[in-house]
Amino acid sequence: MTKRAEVEAALAKAEADWRKAGDDLDQAEAARAKAQADWDKYVADRRKADADRRKAATIWDKAFPDRRKTVADRRGADAARDKANADWDQARAERAKARAVWDKARAALDELERTARKP
């Protein structure tokens, strides 16, 4: 394989990786938007909820009076939102890395083309 063919293959691979990273970023963005919507729903539901979210007269209420309903627990929604944000940050970083590799391969191909044109 010639040097030009190697660089063109590297450029094609880098471009494919960049496109895949972009798709992963789009998926992470969708997951992040869903997690944010879930969080907003939780906040809205909490505002509508009664001040006392415990079920009265249950065995759990007698044994553990501070126990709360799981639907009123924001930890699940908060954890999902944090995970979605972390996934989005990672996908964004992967896309940036793929773009750097693509830029490097493109620069190498441009250099080969410039040297080939010189007499």
C-alpha atoms as a PDB file:
ATOM      1  CA  MET A   1       0.000   0.000   0.000  1.00  0.00           C
ATOM      2  CA  THR A   2       1.297   3.432  -0.885  1.00  0.00           C
ATOM      3  CA  LYS A   3       1.629   6.262   1.596  1.00  0.00           C
ATOM      4  CA  ARG A   4      -1.291   8.094  -0.017  1.00  0.00           C
ATOM      5  CA  ALA A   5      -3.538   5.035   0.176  1.00  0.00           C
ATOM      6  CA  GLU A   6      -2.640   4.564   3.842  1.00  0.00           C
ATOM      7  CA  VAL A   7      -3.461   8.180   4.634  1.00  0.00           C
ATOM      8  CA  GLU A   8      -6.731   8.027   2.675  1.00  0.00           C
ATOM      9  CA  ALA A   9      -7.697   4.855   4.548  1.00  0.00           C
ATOM     10  CA  ALA A  10      -6.855   6.515   7.850  1.00  0.00           C
ATOM     11  CA  LEU A  11      -8.911   9.541   6.842  1.00  0.00           C
ATOM     12  CA  ALA A  12     -11.892   7.366   5.891  1.00  0.00           C
ATOM     13  CA  LYS A  13     -11.670   5.484   9.197  1.00  0.00           C
ATOM     14  CA  ALA A  14     -11.357   8.731  11.148  1.00  0.00           C
ATOM     15  CA  GLU A  15     -14.380  10.156   9.376  1.00  0.00           C
ATOM     16  CA  ALA A  16     -16.412   7.018  10.110  1.00  0.00           C
ATOM     17  CA  ASP A  17     -15.346   7.171  13.765  1.00  0.00           C
ATOM     18  CA  TRP A  18     -16.301  10.843  13.919  1.00  0.00           C
ATOM     19  CA  ARG A  19     -19.726  10.147  12.445  1.00  0.00           C
ATOM     20  CA  LYS A  20     -20.275   7.279  14.912  1.00  0.00           C
ATOM     21  CA  ALA A  21     -19.223   9.538  17.777  1.00  0.00           C
ATOM     22  CA  GLY A  22     -21.689  12.127  16.528  1.00  0.00           C
ATOM     23  CA  ASP A  23     -24.458   9.506  16.507  1.00  0.00           C
ATOM     24  CA  ASP A  24     -23.496   8.453  20.043  1.00  0.00           C
ATOM     25  CA  LEU A  25     -23.643  12.096  21.086  1.00  0.00           C
ATOM     26  CA  ASP A  26     -27.120  12.420  19.578  1.00  0.00           C
ATOM     27  CA  GLN A  27     -28.268   9.344  21.530  1.00  0.00           C
ATOM     28  CA  ALA A  28     -26.752  10.720  24.719  1.00  0.00           C
ATOM     29  CA  GLU A  29     -28.475  14.039  24.082  1.00  0.00           C
ATOM     30  CA  ALA A  30     -31.819  12.229  23.738  1.00  0.00           C
ATOM     31  CA  ALA A  31     -31.212  10.301  26.971  1.00  0.00           C
ATOM     32  CA  ARG A  32     -30.225  13.534  28.697  1.00  0.00           C
ATOM     33  CA  ALA A  33     -33.409  15.245  27.501  1.00  0.00           C
ATOM     34  CA  LYS A  34     -35.501  12.303  28.751  1.00  0.00           C
ATOM     35  CA  ALA A  35     -33.791  12.387  32.142  1.00  0.00           C
ATOM     36  CA  GLN A  36     -34.409  16.128  32.364  1.00  0.00           C
ATOM     37  CA  ALA A  37     -38.074  15.604  31.467  1.00  0.00           C
ATOM     38  CA  ASP A  38     -38.330  12.911  34.155  1.00  0.00           C
ATOM     39  CA  TRP A  39     -36.772  15.312  36.651  1.00  0.00           C
ATOM     40  CA  ASP A  40     -39.204  18.075  35.666  1.00  0.00           C
ATOM     41  CA  LYS A  41     -42.096  15.620  36.067  1.00  0.00           C
ATOM     42  CA  TYR A  42     -40.828  14.656  39.496  1.00  0.00           C
ATOM     43  CA  VAL A  43     -40.634  18.318  40.540  1.00  0.00           C
ATOM     44  CA  ALA A  44     -44.142  18.997  39.245  1.00  0.00           C
ATOM     45  CA  ASP A  45     -45.526  15.893  40.984  1.00  0.00           C
ATOM     46  CA  ARG A  46     -43.821  16.836  44.215  1.00  0.00           C
ATOM     47  CA  ARG A  47     -45.354  20.308  44.147  1.00  0.00           C
ATOM     48  CA  LYS A  48     -48.806  18.743  43.743  1.00  0.00           C
ATOM     49  CA  ALA A  49     -48.254  16.120  46.467  1.00  0.00           C
ATOM     50  CA  ASP A  50     -49.549  16.382  49.974  1.00  0.00           C
ATOM     51  CA  ALA A  51     -47.211  17.690  52.611  1.00  0.00           C
ATOM     52  CA  ASP A  52     -47.288  14.347  54.434  1.00  0.00           C
ATOM     53  CA  ARG A  53     -46.286  11.696  51.905  1.00  0.00           C
ATOM     54  CA  ARG A  54     -46.391   8.798  54.356  1.00  0.00           C
ATOM     55  CA  LYS A  55     -49.103   6.208  54.219  1.00  0.00           C
ATOM     56  CA  ALA A  56     -50.977   6.328  57.471  1.00  0.00           C
ATOM     57  CA  ALA A  57     -51.872   3.236  59.438  1.00  0.00           C
ATOM     58  CA  THR A  58     -49.541   0.827  57.691  1.00  0.00           C
ATOM     59  CA  ILE A  59     -47.182  -1.518  59.435  1.00  0.00           C
ATOM     60  CA  TRP A  60     -44.257   0.305  57.876  1.00  0.00           C
ATOM     61  CA  ASP A  61     -45.547   3.608  59.141  1.00  0.00           C
ATOM     62  CA  LYS A  62     -45.649   2.216  62.650  1.00  0.00           C
ATOM     63  CA  ALA A  63     -42.208   0.611  62.421  1.00  0.00           C
ATOM     64  CA  PHE A  64     -40.481   3.359  60.458  1.00  0.00           C
ATOM     65  CA  PRO A  65     -42.382   6.616  60.818  1.00  0.00           C
ATOM     66  CA  ASP A  66     -39.945   8.537  58.618  1.00  0.00           C
ATOM     67  CA  ARG A  67     -40.252   6.139  55.682  1.00  0.00           C
ATOM     68  CA  ARG A  68     -41.343   7.858  52.499  1.00  0.00           C
ATOM     69  CA  LYS A  69     -43.061   6.615  49.381  1.00  0.00           C
ATOM     70  CA  THR A  70     -40.702   5.700  46.569  1.00  0.00           C
ATOM     71  CA  VAL A  71     -42.630   7.858  44.089  1.00  0.00           C
ATOM     72  CA  ALA A  72     -41.793  10.882  46.194  1.00  0.00           C
ATOM     73  CA  ASP A  73     -38.107  10.031  46.352  1.00  0.00           C
ATOM     74  CA  ARG A  74     -36.106  12.272  44.073  1.00  0.00           C
ATOM     75  CA  ARG A  75     -32.952  10.199  44.318  1.00  0.00           C
ATOM     76  CA  GLY A  76     -33.939   7.960  41.412  1.00  0.00           C
ATOM     77  CA  ALA A  77     -34.663  10.845  39.078  1.00  0.00           C
ATOM     78  CA  ASP A  78     -31.575  12.690  40.266  1.00  0.00           C
ATOM     79  CA  ALA A  79     -29.332   9.663  39.695  1.00  0.00           C
ATOM     80  CA  ALA A  80     -30.754   9.110  36.208  1.00  0.00           C
ATOM     81  CA  ARG A  81     -30.176  12.754  35.349  1.00  0.00           C
ATOM     82  CA  ASP A  82     -26.600  12.630  36.644  1.00  0.00           C
ATOM     83  CA  LYS A  83     -25.873   9.457  34.654  1.00  0.00           C
ATOM     84  CA  ALA A  84     -27.329  10.971  31.485  1.00  0.00           C
ATOM     85  CA  ASN A  85     -25.198  14.086  31.948  1.00  0.00           C
ATOM     86  CA  ALA A  86     -22.077  11.958  32.476  1.00  0.00           C
ATOM     87  CA  ASP A  87     -22.853   9.881  29.373  1.00  0.00           C
ATOM     88  CA  TRP A  88     -23.362  13.057  27.362  1.00  0.00           C
ATOM     89  CA  ASP A  89     -20.059  14.499  28.565  1.00  0.00           C
ATOM     90  CA  GLN A  90     -18.275  11.273  27.645  1.00  0.00           C
ATOM     91  CA  ALA A  91     -19.870  11.153  24.188  1.00  0.00           C
ATOM     92  CA  ARG A  92     -18.903  14.766  23.602  1.00  0.00           C
ATOM     93  CA  ALA A  93     -15.296  14.018  24.574  1.00  0.00           C
ATOM     94  CA  GLU A  94     -15.210  10.967  22.281  1.00  0.00           C
ATOM     95  CA  ARG A  95     -16.481  13.073  19.393  1.00  0.00           C
ATOM     96  CA  ALA A  96     -13.776  15.664  20.050  1.00  0.00           C
ATOM     97  CA  LYS A  97     -11.113  12.932  20.045  1.00  0.00           C
ATOM     98  CA  ALA A  98     -12.445  11.513  16.783  1.00  0.00           C
ATOM     99  CA  ARG A  99     -12.417  14.972  15.240  1.00  0.00           C
ATOM    100  CA  ALA A 100      -8.788  15.474  16.287  1.00  0.00           C
ATOM    101  CA  VAL A 101      -7.799  12.195  14.615  1.00  0.00           C
ATOM    102  CA  TRP A 102      -9.721  13.192  11.492  1.00  0.00           C
ATOM    103  CA  ASP A 103      -8.017  16.602  11.419  1.00  0.00           C
ATOM    104  CA  LYS A 104      -4.608  14.945  11.719  1.00  0.00           C
ATOM    105  CA  ALA A 105      -5.341  12.501   8.885  1.00  0.00           C
ATOM    106  CA  ARG A 106      -6.711  15.317   6.714  1.00  0.00           C
ATOM    107  CA  ALA A 107      -3.582  17.382   7.327  1.00  0.00           C
ATOM    108  CA  ALA A 108      -1.375  14.414   6.371  1.00  0.00           C
ATOM    109  CA  LEU A 109      -3.336  13.915   3.145  1.00  0.00           C
ATOM    110  CA  ASP A 110      -3.116  17.636   2.336  1.00  0.00           C
ATOM    111  CA  GLU A 111       0.652  17.506   2.892  1.00  0.00           C
ATOM    112  CA  LEU A 112       0.956  14.527   0.547  1.00  0.00           C
ATOM    113  CA  GLU A 113      -1.037  16.377  -2.101  1.00  0.00           C
ATOM    114  CA  ARG A 114       1.171  19.462  -1.753  1.00  0.00           C
ATOM    115  CA  THR A 115       4.367  17.418  -2.097  1.00  0.00           C
ATOM    116  CA  ALA A 116       2.943  15.565  -5.106  1.00  0.00           C
ATOM    117  CA  ARG A 117       2.236  18.873  -6.932  1.00  0.00           C
ATOM    118  CA  LYS A 118       5.767  20.193  -6.501  1.00  0.00           C
ATOM    119  CA  PRO A 119       7.882  19.761  -9.630  1.00  0.00           C
END
